[in-house]
Amino acid sequence: MLTHEGIWNAIDQLARRNDLSTSGLARLAGLDPTTFNRSKRFSREGKPRWPSTESIAKILSVTNTPFTEFAALADPQ
């Protein structure tokens, strides 16, 4: 099952695998460098914020990562 924590962990791992920070990964994908900042993962009220499918698609594209691999990172069983 894909969870909020799992998705964010997968993004973090994808950045590390490509020798990038999350800001660097966002820039490489043409996104705002703050897109994946830890401070943006929850609202001020503590409600989880999920990355958009468009943002995920862009980072998968620029890193040549299949979605199945990303999903495995997000839900390691």
C-alpha atoms as a PDB file:
ATOM      1  CA  MET A   1       0.000   0.000   0.000  1.00  0.00           C
ATOM      2  CA  LEU A   2       1.282   3.447  -0.842  1.00  0.00           C
ATOM      3  CA  THR A   3       1.387   5.705   2.189  1.00  0.00           C
ATOM      4  CA  HIS A   4       2.255   9.345   2.710  1.00  0.00           C
ATOM      5  CA  GLU A   5       5.468   8.397   4.494  1.00  0.00           C
ATOM      6  CA  GLY A   6       6.330   5.786   1.890  1.00  0.00           C
ATOM      7  CA  ILE A   7       5.924   8.163  -1.051  1.00  0.00           C
ATOM      8  CA  TRP A   8       8.123  10.787   0.588  1.00  0.00           C
ATOM      9  CA  ASN A   9      10.718   8.165   1.525  1.00  0.00           C
ATOM     10  CA  ALA A  10      10.766   6.991  -2.094  1.00  0.00           C
ATOM     11  CA  ILE A  11      11.383  10.562  -3.289  1.00  0.00           C
ATOM     12  CA  ASP A  12      14.219  10.926  -0.782  1.00  0.00           C
ATOM     13  CA  GLN A  13      15.744   7.615  -1.909  1.00  0.00           C
ATOM     14  CA  LEU A  14      15.401   8.525  -5.573  1.00  0.00           C
ATOM     15  CA  ALA A  15      17.290  11.755  -4.939  1.00  0.00           C
ATOM     16  CA  ARG A  16      20.077   9.934  -3.056  1.00  0.00           C
ATOM     17  CA  ARG A  17      20.357   7.237  -5.740  1.00  0.00           C
ATOM     18  CA  ASN A  18      21.022   9.997  -8.245  1.00  0.00           C
ATOM     19  CA  ASP A  19      23.498  11.835  -6.002  1.00  0.00           C
ATOM     20  CA  LEU A  20      21.088  14.741  -5.579  1.00  0.00           C
ATOM     21  CA  SER A  21      19.376  16.577  -2.792  1.00  0.00           C
ATOM     22  CA  THR A  22      15.601  16.723  -3.010  1.00  0.00           C
ATOM     23  CA  SER A  23      16.016  20.330  -4.158  1.00  0.00           C
ATOM     24  CA  GLY A  24      18.417  19.217  -6.875  1.00  0.00           C
ATOM     25  CA  LEU A  25      16.009  16.506  -7.961  1.00  0.00           C
ATOM     26  CA  ALA A  26      13.183  19.035  -8.192  1.00  0.00           C
ATOM     27  CA  ARG A  27      15.338  21.435 -10.236  1.00  0.00           C
ATOM     28  CA  LEU A  28      16.439  18.634 -12.575  1.00  0.00           C
ATOM     29  CA  ALA A  29      12.763  17.853 -13.200  1.00  0.00           C
ATOM     30  CA  GLY A  30      11.954  21.503 -13.935  1.00  0.00           C
ATOM     31  CA  LEU A  31      10.125  21.990 -10.640  1.00  0.00           C
ATOM     32  CA  ASP A  32      10.489  24.641  -7.981  1.00  0.00           C
ATOM     33  CA  PRO A  33      13.493  23.684  -5.831  1.00  0.00           C
ATOM     34  CA  THR A  34      11.316  23.713  -2.707  1.00  0.00           C
ATOM     35  CA  THR A  35       8.780  21.225  -4.101  1.00  0.00           C
ATOM     36  CA  PHE A  36      10.074  18.318  -2.026  1.00  0.00           C
ATOM     37  CA  ASN A  37      11.247  20.191   1.087  1.00  0.00           C
ATOM     38  CA  ARG A  38      10.498  18.464   4.369  1.00  0.00           C
ATOM     39  CA  SER A  39       8.728  21.613   5.555  1.00  0.00           C
ATOM     40  CA  LYS A  40       6.142  21.172   2.788  1.00  0.00           C
ATOM     41  CA  ARG A  41       5.194  17.604   3.640  1.00  0.00           C
ATOM     42  CA  PHE A  42       2.646  18.625   6.262  1.00  0.00           C
ATOM     43  CA  SER A  43       0.422  21.684   6.553  1.00  0.00           C
ATOM     44  CA  ARG A  44       0.694  23.968   9.568  1.00  0.00           C
ATOM     45  CA  GLU A  45      -2.264  22.097  10.997  1.00  0.00           C
ATOM     46  CA  GLY A  46      -0.385  18.810  10.625  1.00  0.00           C
ATOM     47  CA  LYS A  47      -2.401  17.551   7.665  1.00  0.00           C
ATOM     48  CA  PRO A  48      -0.285  15.452   5.276  1.00  0.00           C
ATOM     49  CA  ARG A  49       0.529  17.050   1.928  1.00  0.00           C
ATOM     50  CA  TRP A  50       1.054  14.619  -0.912  1.00  0.00           C
ATOM     51  CA  PRO A  51       3.260  15.305  -3.933  1.00  0.00           C
ATOM     52  CA  SER A  52       1.335  15.629  -7.172  1.00  0.00           C
ATOM     53  CA  THR A  53       1.304  12.818  -9.685  1.00  0.00           C
ATOM     54  CA  GLU A  54       2.722  15.306 -12.190  1.00  0.00           C
ATOM     55  CA  SER A  55       5.731  15.987  -9.937  1.00  0.00           C
ATOM     56  CA  ILE A  56       6.302  12.273  -9.454  1.00  0.00           C
ATOM     57  CA  ALA A  57       6.023  11.646 -13.198  1.00  0.00           C
ATOM     58  CA  LYS A  58       8.610  14.353 -13.889  1.00  0.00           C
ATOM     59  CA  ILE A  59      11.183  12.989 -11.439  1.00  0.00           C
ATOM     60  CA  LEU A  60      10.676   9.467 -12.748  1.00  0.00           C
ATOM     61  CA  SER A  61      11.219  10.713 -16.278  1.00  0.00           C
ATOM     62  CA  VAL A  62      14.435  12.641 -15.596  1.00  0.00           C
ATOM     63  CA  THR A  63      15.901   9.788 -13.559  1.00  0.00           C
ATOM     64  CA  ASN A  64      14.744   7.087 -15.999  1.00  0.00           C
ATOM     65  CA  THR A  65      13.023   5.285 -13.148  1.00  0.00           C
ATOM     66  CA  PRO A  66      10.075   3.000 -13.925  1.00  0.00           C
ATOM     67  CA  PHE A  67       7.008   3.561 -11.769  1.00  0.00           C
ATOM     68  CA  THR A  68       7.213  -0.029 -10.572  1.00  0.00           C
ATOM     69  CA  GLU A  69      10.655   0.676  -9.119  1.00  0.00           C
ATOM     70  CA  PHE A  70       9.393   3.853  -7.445  1.00  0.00           C
ATOM     71  CA  ALA A  71       6.432   1.943  -6.009  1.00  0.00           C
ATOM     72  CA  ALA A  72       8.811  -0.684  -4.623  1.00  0.00           C
ATOM     73  CA  LEU A  73      10.780   2.077  -2.902  1.00  0.00           C
ATOM     74  CA  ALA A  74       7.561   3.488  -1.479  1.00  0.00           C
ATOM     75  CA  ASP A  75       6.291   0.129  -0.265  1.00  0.00           C
ATOM     76  CA  PRO A  76       9.206  -2.182   0.483  1.00  0.00           C
ATOM     77  CA  GLN A  77       7.804  -5.506   1.623  1.00  0.00           C
END
